Amino acid sequence: MAILDRRKFYINGAWVDPATPNDFGVINPATEEVFATISMGSEADVEAAVAAARAAFASYSRTSVEDRIALLESILAVYKRRYDEFATTITQEMGAPASLSKNAQAAVGVGHLEGFLQGLKETAFRSTNVNGDTILREPIGVCGLITPWNWPMNQIVLKVLPALAAGCTMVLKPSELTPIDAMLYAEVLDEAGVPAGVFNLVNGEGPVVGAALSRHPRVDMMSFTGSTRGGTAVARDAAATVKRVTLELGGKSPNLVFADTDVEAAVKRGVRHCFQNTGQSCNAPTRMIVEKSVYDQAVTVAQAAAEATVVGDPAEEGSHIGPLVSQLQYDRVQTLIQAAIDEGARLVAGGTGKPDGRNVGYFVKPTVFADVHNGMRIAQEEVFGPVLAMIPFESEDEAIEIANDTPYGLAAYIQTGDAERAERVSTQLRAGMVHINGEDMGYGSPFGGYKMSGLGREGGHFGIEDFLEVKVVSRPK
């Protein structure tokens, strides 16, 4: 199969050559073969993209809400027409199984857009407060957007769309591991009629392109999704120019299973959710905290669920899981699985190494550890693989204490048959999102977390607010 040539950047409404050629191979993680070539950008490419975005801001920031609603609707129509291309590309570049790519990974490009359309209609760009002063909400300016590889379209649309809705211009740096879907999205935006310079794309490494964006004096805001390490680097680089920074970072989300729930159903659901996307989700319920009276039952159910999880070819339809995204990610997961074994966690399913019959590709075994405590690395560090840690508790207060004993605070999950308990516990969990009995949140609801899980919220009205400045205008009364 011919290698796809995608070595150009999208700047000022056109596909242009990089300032300095710097080829980089994009690898299919299921085959470990290069299927596309991109170029890695430089500070000169960032400079050109920022200049285009700055020039376009003067006119785009003055567009009406009605014009921007029409633009988002145009993007939605073009995206729907090219939907299958995105699903296929995401499977190829990050290894998400075909069914997951089609039903979830690509689907967010529709769902979030519809959420932002509703949020844009709800946003009050001009209002009057109780003092009679006028309150204006205005686009913040040129935005640098840095997105990860694990849910590539999800994070792209959660940044690009609210920036467009707010009236901002932008430069996107997608992950160099999953850049092709971002370049497809640039084609969608171009065809949908996004004015030249409003959206720009430069591929490259975080320490080069990402840092150049974060430090740039003519970039007004940085929106980053990725590791806590990467987020702190963006914040440090942005500090010198006092630009706004929003961060969506990691998680070590607790899943509290109380004895008054349907334990078998709750545990099976929790294991499937933990393993979804091969565990490469920041909000995955990776710590299952189980009431002691049903703990042994829960461990048995989790073991069976893990052993029943099929690891398969991502190009095929089905409910199986695929590979991790890269050799680096595979090595990190192996290191943490071994650390859990060394620290005394009880391995009940999976373990180190690749599944039987999977010698090529970054495949890992679906893994479950029991008898974990919060002093172990497996309970504190984000694994980003299909690895579940199970922890027993005796009382409701102890469950809450264990759940909150983490540097992260992205999501939390509660499984209980007691509605009053669900309400009581949800108010005490230090997390930005709490899901009760398997219920997911809808498009347009705010996604984000407490503590080291980040700053700001993404999605709908709250996501648009992050890209707006507030101005007060006082007149003689």
Protein backbone atom coordinates (compact mmCIF):
# COMPACT_ATOMS: atom_id res chain seq x y z
CA MET A 1 0.00 0.00 0.00
CA ALA A 2 1.31 3.45 -0.95
CA ILE A 3 2.30 5.72 1.91
CA LEU A 4 0.04 8.76 2.22
CA ASP A 5 1.87 12.07 1.69
CA ARG A 6 0.50 14.72 4.08
CA ARG A 7 3.56 16.93 4.57
CA LYS A 8 1.84 20.30 4.12
CA PHE A 9 0.33 22.60 6.74
CA TYR A 10 -2.96 24.49 6.51
CA ILE A 11 -2.17 28.19 6.93
CA ASN A 12 -4.24 31.21 5.86
CA GLY A 13 -6.74 29.10 3.93
CA ALA A 14 -4.20 27.12 1.86
CA TRP A 15 -2.05 23.99 2.10
CA VAL A 16 1.55 25.17 2.24
CA ASP A 17 4.98 23.58 2.48
CA PRO A 18 6.80 23.68 5.84
CA ALA A 19 9.50 26.30 6.27
CA THR A 20 12.02 23.47 6.70
CA PRO A 21 11.29 19.88 5.58
CA ASN A 22 11.24 17.48 8.52
CA ASP A 23 9.54 14.19 7.64
CA PHE A 24 7.85 12.02 10.25
CA GLY A 25 6.22 8.61 9.71
CA VAL A 26 2.75 7.98 11.12
CA ILE A 27 2.48 4.37 12.31
CA ASN A 28 -0.51 2.03 12.32
CA PRO A 29 -0.27 0.60 15.87
CA ALA A 30 -1.83 -2.71 14.84
CA THR A 31 0.79 -3.43 12.18
CA GLU A 32 3.70 -1.23 13.36
CA GLU A 33 4.02 -0.03 9.76
CA VAL A 34 4.23 3.56 8.51
CA PHE A 35 1.11 4.43 6.50
CA ALA A 36 1.52 8.21 6.16
CA THR A 37 4.24 10.86 6.17
CA ILE A 38 3.78 14.31 7.71
CA SER A 39 6.21 17.13 8.34
CA MET A 40 7.16 18.28 11.81
CA GLY A 41 6.83 22.03 12.08
CA SER A 42 9.18 24.70 13.41
CA GLU A 43 8.93 28.09 15.07
CA ALA A 44 8.88 29.65 11.60
CA ASP A 45 5.72 27.68 10.73
CA VAL A 46 4.11 28.76 13.99
CA GLU A 47 5.01 32.37 13.23
CA ALA A 48 3.29 32.17 9.84
CA ALA A 49 0.19 30.54 11.30
CA VAL A 50 -0.11 33.03 14.18
CA ALA A 51 0.31 35.94 11.76
CA ALA A 52 -2.54 34.59 9.63
CA ALA A 53 -4.75 34.10 12.67
CA ARG A 54 -3.98 37.58 13.98
CA ALA A 55 -4.81 39.18 10.64
CA ALA A 56 -8.09 37.26 10.36
CA PHE A 57 -9.20 38.14 13.89
CA ALA A 58 -10.05 41.75 13.05
CA SER A 59 -12.88 40.73 10.73
CA TYR A 60 -13.94 37.34 12.12
CA SER A 61 -14.33 38.69 15.67
CA ARG A 62 -16.92 41.14 14.32
CA THR A 63 -19.15 38.50 12.74
CA SER A 64 -22.67 38.13 14.10
CA VAL A 65 -23.90 35.22 16.18
CA GLU A 66 -26.24 34.37 13.32
CA ASP A 67 -23.30 34.16 10.91
CA ARG A 68 -21.40 31.88 13.25
CA ILE A 69 -24.45 29.64 13.76
CA ALA A 70 -24.71 29.31 9.98
CA LEU A 71 -21.00 28.46 9.79
CA LEU A 72 -21.31 25.71 12.41
CA GLU A 73 -24.32 24.29 10.58
CA SER A 74 -22.28 24.24 7.36
CA ILE A 75 -19.45 22.40 9.14
CA LEU A 76 -21.95 19.86 10.47
CA ALA A 77 -23.27 19.14 6.98
CA VAL A 78 -19.81 18.63 5.48
CA TYR A 79 -18.63 16.50 8.41
CA LYS A 80 -21.63 14.19 8.13
CA ARG A 81 -20.89 13.65 4.45
CA ARG A 82 -17.28 12.67 5.21
CA TYR A 83 -18.08 10.81 8.43
CA ASP A 84 -16.84 7.38 7.30
CA GLU A 85 -13.44 8.83 6.34
CA PHE A 86 -12.90 9.95 9.91
CA ALA A 87 -13.87 6.56 11.37
CA THR A 88 -11.51 4.73 9.01
CA THR A 89 -8.65 7.15 9.66
CA ILE A 90 -8.95 6.97 13.45
CA THR A 91 -8.83 3.17 13.31
CA GLN A 92 -5.74 3.32 11.13
CA GLU A 93 -3.76 5.89 13.10
CA MET A 94 -4.62 5.04 16.72
CA GLY A 95 -5.95 1.48 16.61
CA ALA A 96 -9.49 2.09 17.81
CA PRO A 97 -11.63 -0.88 16.66
CA ALA A 98 -13.84 -0.11 13.67
CA SER A 99 -17.10 -0.23 15.62
CA LEU A 100 -15.76 2.09 18.33
CA SER A 101 -14.37 4.48 15.72
CA LYS A 102 -17.69 4.64 13.91
CA ASN A 103 -20.05 4.69 16.89
CA ALA A 104 -18.04 6.81 19.32
CA GLN A 105 -14.74 8.25 18.09
CA ALA A 106 -16.18 9.82 14.92
CA ALA A 107 -19.64 10.37 16.41
CA VAL A 108 -18.40 13.13 18.72
CA GLY A 109 -17.86 15.35 15.67
CA VAL A 110 -21.63 15.43 15.29
CA GLY A 111 -22.74 15.33 18.93
CA HIS A 112 -20.45 18.03 20.25
CA LEU A 113 -21.22 20.30 17.31
CA GLU A 114 -24.92 20.06 18.05
CA GLY A 115 -24.15 20.82 21.70
CA PHE A 116 -22.16 23.91 20.73
CA LEU A 117 -24.92 25.11 18.41
CA GLN A 118 -27.31 25.03 21.36
CA GLY A 119 -24.70 26.62 23.64
CA LEU A 120 -24.07 29.42 21.16
CA LYS A 121 -27.78 30.19 21.02
CA GLU A 122 -27.86 30.32 24.84
CA THR A 123 -24.81 32.57 25.28
CA ALA A 124 -25.60 36.18 26.19
CA PHE A 125 -22.96 38.24 24.37
CA ARG A 126 -24.61 41.47 25.55
CA SER A 127 -26.61 41.94 28.75
CA THR A 128 -27.38 44.51 31.45
CA ASN A 129 -26.62 43.96 35.13
CA VAL A 130 -28.54 45.19 38.16
CA ASN A 131 -26.53 48.45 38.16
CA GLY A 132 -27.62 49.27 34.64
CA ASP A 133 -24.13 48.66 33.25
CA THR A 134 -23.70 46.81 29.95
CA ILE A 135 -21.88 43.49 30.11
CA LEU A 136 -20.20 42.38 26.90
CA ARG A 137 -18.69 38.98 26.21
CA GLU A 138 -16.10 39.27 23.48
CA PRO A 139 -13.76 36.76 21.75
CA ILE A 140 -10.46 36.52 23.58
CA GLY A 141 -8.33 36.61 20.42
CA VAL A 142 -5.87 34.20 18.80
CA CYS A 143 -5.94 30.77 20.44
CA GLY A 144 -3.32 28.03 20.45
CA LEU A 145 -4.93 24.59 20.57
CA ILE A 146 -2.99 21.43 21.44
CA THR A 147 -4.81 18.09 21.23
CA PRO A 148 -3.92 14.48 22.16
CA TRP A 149 -4.08 11.15 20.35
CA ASN A 150 -6.47 9.08 22.46
CA TRP A 151 -9.79 10.63 21.40
CA PRO A 152 -8.42 12.77 18.58
CA MET A 153 -11.63 14.13 17.04
CA ASN A 154 -13.24 14.59 20.43
CA GLN A 155 -10.56 17.00 21.60
CA ILE A 156 -10.24 18.76 18.27
CA VAL A 157 -13.94 19.64 18.10
CA LEU A 158 -14.06 20.52 21.82
CA LYS A 159 -11.53 23.28 21.08
CA VAL A 160 -12.01 24.33 17.46
CA LEU A 161 -15.80 24.62 17.59
CA PRO A 162 -16.14 26.79 20.72
CA ALA A 163 -13.34 29.04 19.45
CA LEU A 164 -15.23 29.48 16.18
CA ALA A 165 -18.49 30.00 18.07
CA ALA A 166 -16.93 32.68 20.26
CA GLY A 167 -15.45 34.58 17.30
CA CYS A 168 -11.82 33.60 17.89
CA THR A 169 -9.13 32.62 15.41
CA MET A 170 -6.74 29.77 16.08
CA VAL A 171 -3.73 27.58 15.41
CA LEU A 172 -4.16 23.85 16.03
CA LYS A 173 -1.30 21.49 16.83
CA PRO A 174 -2.70 17.95 16.88
CA SER A 175 -0.77 14.98 18.24
CA GLU A 176 1.92 13.87 15.84
CA LEU A 177 0.74 10.28 16.48
CA THR A 178 -2.78 10.98 15.12
CA PRO A 179 -2.48 13.93 12.73
CA ILE A 180 -4.39 12.67 9.70
CA ASP A 181 -7.90 13.06 11.11
CA ALA A 182 -6.98 16.65 12.07
CA MET A 183 -5.93 17.32 8.49
CA LEU A 184 -9.20 15.83 7.26
CA TYR A 185 -10.99 18.21 9.62
CA ALA A 186 -9.07 21.13 8.10
CA GLU A 187 -10.48 20.06 4.73
CA VAL A 188 -13.98 20.00 6.23
CA LEU A 189 -13.58 23.49 7.66
CA ASP A 190 -12.24 24.79 4.36
CA GLU A 191 -15.13 23.31 2.39
CA ALA A 192 -17.66 24.57 4.95
CA GLY A 193 -16.51 28.14 4.37
CA VAL A 194 -14.36 29.00 7.38
CA PRO A 195 -12.62 32.24 6.28
CA ALA A 196 -8.90 32.14 5.47
CA GLY A 197 -6.72 32.59 8.53
CA VAL A 198 -9.44 31.80 11.07
CA PHE A 199 -8.30 28.18 11.39
CA ASN A 200 -4.68 27.13 10.89
CA LEU A 201 -2.94 23.78 11.43
CA VAL A 202 0.74 23.07 12.08
CA ASN A 203 1.93 19.56 12.92
CA GLY A 204 4.89 19.00 15.20
CA GLU A 205 6.26 18.10 18.61
CA GLY A 206 5.07 19.63 21.85
CA PRO A 207 8.49 20.95 22.91
CA VAL A 208 8.86 22.72 19.53
CA VAL A 209 5.52 23.73 18.01
CA GLY A 210 3.55 23.55 21.26
CA ALA A 211 6.11 25.59 23.16
CA ALA A 212 6.35 28.18 20.35
CA LEU A 213 2.58 28.65 20.52
CA SER A 214 2.53 28.83 24.32
CA ARG A 215 5.29 31.45 24.43
CA HIS A 216 4.10 33.52 21.49
CA PRO A 217 3.27 37.11 22.53
CA ARG A 218 0.49 37.37 19.91
CA VAL A 219 -1.34 34.26 21.10
CA ASP A 220 -3.97 35.27 23.65
CA MET A 221 -5.01 31.87 24.98
CA MET A 222 -3.75 28.29 25.14
CA SER A 223 -6.11 25.32 25.34
CA PHE A 224 -4.32 22.03 26.01
CA THR A 225 -5.45 18.45 26.49
CA GLY A 226 -2.95 15.77 27.40
CA SER A 227 -0.68 14.68 30.21
CA THR A 228 -0.23 16.64 33.42
CA ARG A 229 3.44 16.98 32.55
CA GLY A 230 2.57 18.53 29.19
CA GLY A 231 -0.03 20.78 30.76
CA THR A 232 2.36 22.20 33.31
CA ALA A 233 4.86 22.90 30.52
CA VAL A 234 2.22 24.84 28.58
CA ALA A 235 1.27 26.81 31.70
CA ARG A 236 4.91 27.67 32.42
CA ASP A 237 5.55 28.80 28.85
CA ALA A 238 2.35 30.86 28.81
CA ALA A 239 3.02 32.57 32.13
CA ALA A 240 5.50 35.11 30.77
CA THR A 241 2.82 36.67 28.57
CA VAL A 242 0.00 36.19 31.11
CA LYS A 243 -2.26 34.50 28.59
CA ARG A 244 -5.28 32.49 29.58
CA VAL A 245 -4.66 28.75 29.88
CA THR A 246 -7.26 25.99 29.95
CA LEU A 247 -6.12 22.43 30.65
CA GLU A 248 -7.86 19.07 30.39
CA LEU A 249 -5.42 16.62 31.94
CA GLY A 250 -5.30 13.17 33.47
CA GLY A 251 -7.46 11.17 35.79
CA LYS A 252 -7.50 8.22 38.16
CA SER A 253 -11.25 7.96 38.43
CA PRO A 254 -12.83 5.97 41.28
CA ASN A 255 -15.79 3.66 40.74
CA LEU A 256 -17.58 3.09 44.06
CA VAL A 257 -19.51 -0.19 44.14
CA PHE A 258 -21.85 -0.50 47.13
CA ALA A 259 -23.37 -3.77 48.26
CA ASP A 260 -26.90 -2.49 47.66
CA THR A 261 -26.42 -2.49 43.87
CA ASP A 262 -26.64 -5.31 41.33
CA VAL A 263 -22.98 -6.24 41.87
CA GLU A 264 -22.55 -8.48 38.86
CA ALA A 265 -24.03 -5.94 36.44
CA ALA A 266 -22.15 -3.02 38.01
CA VAL A 267 -18.78 -4.78 37.94
CA LYS A 268 -19.17 -6.01 34.38
CA ARG A 269 -20.14 -2.49 33.31
CA GLY A 270 -17.17 -1.03 35.18
CA VAL A 271 -14.68 -3.43 33.60
CA ARG A 272 -16.02 -2.75 30.09
CA HIS A 273 -15.80 0.99 30.67
CA CYS A 274 -12.27 0.75 32.07
CA PHE A 275 -11.15 -1.26 29.04
CA GLN A 276 -12.98 0.83 26.42
CA ASN A 277 -10.61 2.41 23.88
CA THR A 278 -8.00 -0.03 25.27
CA GLY A 279 -8.04 1.96 28.51
CA GLN A 280 -6.79 5.10 26.78
CA SER A 281 -9.35 7.52 28.23
CA CYS A 282 -8.62 10.18 30.83
CA ASN A 283 -11.99 9.62 32.54
CA ALA A 284 -11.78 5.80 32.62
CA PRO A 285 -12.98 4.24 35.93
CA THR A 286 -9.64 2.62 36.70
CA ARG A 287 -10.05 2.27 40.50
CA MET A 288 -12.95 0.00 41.46
CA ILE A 289 -13.59 0.60 45.17
CA VAL A 290 -15.85 -2.19 46.43
CA GLU A 291 -17.72 -2.74 49.70
CA LYS A 292 -16.07 -5.60 51.59
CA SER A 293 -19.22 -7.71 51.97
CA VAL A 294 -19.36 -8.16 48.18
CA TYR A 295 -15.67 -7.70 47.41
CA ASP A 296 -14.84 -11.35 46.71
CA GLN A 297 -17.84 -11.63 44.41
CA ALA A 298 -16.76 -8.47 42.60
CA VAL A 299 -13.23 -9.77 42.08
CA THR A 300 -14.57 -13.02 40.62
CA VAL A 301 -16.89 -11.12 38.25
CA ALA A 302 -14.09 -8.74 37.21
CA GLN A 303 -11.74 -11.63 36.52
CA ALA A 304 -14.31 -13.33 34.30
CA ALA A 305 -15.09 -10.08 32.49
CA ALA A 306 -11.40 -9.44 31.79
CA GLU A 307 -10.82 -12.99 30.58
CA ALA A 308 -13.83 -12.65 28.28
CA THR A 309 -12.49 -9.43 26.75
CA VAL A 310 -11.26 -10.14 23.24
CA VAL A 311 -8.15 -8.40 21.87
CA GLY A 312 -8.48 -8.22 18.12
CA ASP A 313 -7.81 -6.56 14.80
CA PRO A 314 -9.03 -2.95 14.96
CA ALA A 315 -9.92 -3.03 11.26
CA GLU A 316 -12.71 -5.50 12.07
CA GLU A 317 -16.16 -4.68 13.45
CA GLY A 318 -16.96 -5.94 16.93
CA SER A 319 -16.76 -5.27 20.66
CA HIS A 320 -13.09 -6.29 21.02
CA ILE A 321 -10.32 -3.91 22.10
CA GLY A 322 -7.37 -2.97 19.91
CA PRO A 323 -3.72 -2.06 20.48
CA LEU A 324 -2.23 0.82 22.40
CA VAL A 325 -1.22 3.77 20.27
CA SER A 326 2.58 3.41 20.28
CA GLN A 327 5.61 1.48 21.47
CA LEU A 328 6.22 4.17 24.08
CA GLN A 329 2.72 3.78 25.48
CA TYR A 330 3.05 -0.02 25.44
CA ASP A 331 6.29 0.20 27.44
CA ARG A 332 4.72 2.55 30.00
CA VAL A 333 1.80 0.22 30.59
CA GLN A 334 4.10 -2.79 30.93
CA THR A 335 6.20 -0.91 33.49
CA LEU A 336 3.15 -0.09 35.63
CA ILE A 337 1.77 -3.63 35.44
CA GLN A 338 5.13 -4.95 36.65
CA ALA A 339 5.26 -2.30 39.39
CA ALA A 340 1.87 -3.47 40.70
CA ILE A 341 3.12 -7.06 40.81
CA ASP A 342 6.31 -5.99 42.58
CA GLU A 343 4.36 -3.95 45.16
CA GLY A 344 2.19 -6.92 46.10
CA ALA A 345 -1.09 -6.36 44.27
CA ARG A 346 -2.86 -9.64 43.49
CA LEU A 347 -2.95 -10.31 39.76
CA VAL A 348 -6.26 -11.97 38.90
CA ALA A 349 -6.28 -11.51 35.11
CA GLY A 350 -3.84 -10.53 32.38
CA GLY A 351 -0.36 -9.36 33.28
CA THR A 352 2.76 -8.40 31.39
CA GLY A 353 3.44 -9.23 27.76
CA LYS A 354 1.24 -9.48 24.71
CA PRO A 355 -1.89 -11.62 24.34
CA ASP A 356 -1.49 -15.00 22.70
CA GLY A 357 -1.27 -14.74 18.94
CA ARG A 358 -0.52 -11.01 18.93
CA ASN A 359 3.21 -10.76 18.29
CA VAL A 360 2.94 -7.73 15.98
CA GLY A 361 1.27 -4.53 17.13
CA TYR A 362 1.13 -2.77 20.49
CA PHE A 363 -1.42 -5.14 21.99
CA VAL A 364 -1.68 -5.71 25.76
CA LYS A 365 -3.50 -8.15 27.98
CA PRO A 366 -6.71 -6.95 29.70
CA THR A 367 -5.49 -6.86 33.29
CA VAL A 368 -7.14 -6.80 36.73
CA PHE A 369 -5.41 -6.37 40.08
CA ALA A 370 -7.12 -7.05 43.43
CA ASP A 371 -6.12 -6.13 46.99
CA VAL A 372 -4.70 -2.79 45.88
CA HIS A 373 -4.22 0.06 48.33
CA ASN A 374 -3.73 3.73 47.64
CA GLY A 375 -0.04 3.64 48.46
CA MET A 376 0.64 1.63 45.31
CA ARG A 377 1.65 3.25 42.02
CA ILE A 378 -1.17 1.38 40.27
CA ALA A 379 -3.66 3.31 42.45
CA GLN A 380 -2.07 6.75 42.02
CA GLU A 381 -0.62 6.92 38.50
CA GLU A 382 -2.62 7.10 35.30
CA VAL A 383 -1.88 3.87 33.42
CA PHE A 384 -3.70 4.66 30.16
CA GLY A 385 -4.14 1.01 29.33
CA PRO A 386 -6.72 -1.74 30.02
CA VAL A 387 -5.69 -2.15 33.64
CA LEU A 388 -8.14 -2.15 36.58
CA ALA A 389 -7.20 -1.78 40.26
CA MET A 390 -9.68 -3.14 42.84
CA ILE A 391 -9.73 -1.77 46.40
CA PRO A 392 -11.99 -2.90 49.28
CA PHE A 393 -13.75 -0.57 51.74
CA GLU A 394 -15.87 -1.04 54.86
CA SER A 395 -17.87 2.16 55.35
CA GLU A 396 -19.28 4.88 53.14
CA ASP A 397 -16.92 7.42 54.70
CA GLU A 398 -13.93 5.18 53.97
CA ALA A 399 -15.06 4.77 50.37
CA ILE A 400 -15.20 8.54 49.93
CA GLU A 401 -11.81 8.97 51.58
CA ILE A 402 -10.19 6.40 49.28
CA ALA A 403 -11.90 7.90 46.23
CA ASN A 404 -10.62 11.40 47.00
CA ASP A 405 -7.09 10.26 47.88
CA THR A 406 -5.63 11.05 44.46
CA PRO A 407 -3.95 14.05 42.87
CA TYR A 408 -6.61 13.92 40.14
CA GLY A 409 -10.29 14.81 40.14
CA LEU A 410 -11.70 14.32 36.67
CA ALA A 411 -14.56 11.83 36.98
CA ALA A 412 -16.11 9.54 39.59
CA TYR A 413 -18.64 6.73 39.36
CA ILE A 414 -21.18 5.48 41.92
CA GLN A 415 -23.03 2.15 41.81
CA THR A 416 -25.83 1.95 44.38
CA GLY A 417 -29.50 1.08 44.69
CA ASP A 418 -30.04 3.86 47.24
CA ALA A 419 -30.94 7.19 45.61
CA GLU A 420 -30.28 9.14 48.81
CA ARG A 421 -26.81 7.59 49.12
CA ALA A 422 -26.05 8.43 45.49
CA GLU A 423 -26.95 12.06 46.11
CA ARG A 424 -25.05 12.20 49.42
CA VAL A 425 -21.87 10.62 48.08
CA SER A 426 -21.86 12.57 44.82
CA THR A 427 -21.65 15.87 46.71
CA GLN A 428 -18.57 14.67 48.62
CA LEU A 429 -16.51 13.37 45.72
CA ARG A 430 -13.86 15.83 44.56
CA ALA A 431 -14.39 15.38 40.84
CA GLY A 432 -15.74 17.48 38.02
CA MET A 433 -18.11 14.77 36.79
CA VAL A 434 -20.01 12.12 38.75
CA HIS A 435 -21.83 9.29 36.95
CA ILE A 436 -24.45 7.29 38.84
CA ASN A 437 -25.31 3.70 37.90
CA GLY A 438 -23.76 3.82 34.45
CA GLU A 439 -25.36 7.04 33.29
CA ASP A 440 -23.26 9.15 30.90
CA MET A 441 -23.59 12.89 30.48
CA GLY A 442 -25.07 14.47 27.39
CA TYR A 443 -23.43 16.58 24.71
CA GLY A 444 -23.25 20.19 25.83
CA SER A 445 -22.64 19.37 29.51
CA PRO A 446 -19.33 20.65 30.96
CA PHE A 447 -16.40 18.21 30.76
CA GLY A 448 -13.48 18.85 33.11
CA GLY A 449 -12.10 18.21 36.55
CA TYR A 450 -10.72 19.31 39.90
CA LYS A 451 -7.15 19.39 41.19
CA MET A 452 -4.48 18.15 38.76
CA SER A 453 -7.11 17.12 36.24
CA GLY A 454 -7.14 20.60 34.82
CA LEU A 455 -8.53 24.11 34.54
CA GLY A 456 -11.74 25.12 32.78
CA ARG A 457 -14.56 23.15 31.19
CA GLU A 458 -15.25 21.93 27.68
CA GLY A 459 -18.55 21.44 25.88
CA GLY A 460 -21.64 23.53 25.19
CA HIS A 461 -22.17 26.90 26.81
CA PHE A 462 -19.39 26.40 29.37
CA GLY A 463 -16.90 25.55 26.64
CA ILE A 464 -17.72 28.72 24.71
CA GLU A 465 -17.34 30.83 27.87
CA ASP A 466 -13.69 29.77 28.15
CA PHE A 467 -12.96 31.57 24.86
CA LEU A 468 -14.64 34.85 25.87
CA GLU A 469 -13.48 37.95 27.72
CA VAL A 470 -15.90 39.97 29.87
CA LYS A 471 -16.14 43.74 29.40
CA VAL A 472 -18.28 46.17 31.37
CA VAL A 473 -19.44 49.44 29.77
CA SER A 474 -20.81 52.09 32.13
CA ARG A 475 -22.69 55.14 30.88
CA PRO A 476 -24.32 58.10 32.55
CA LYS A 477 -27.61 56.99 33.99
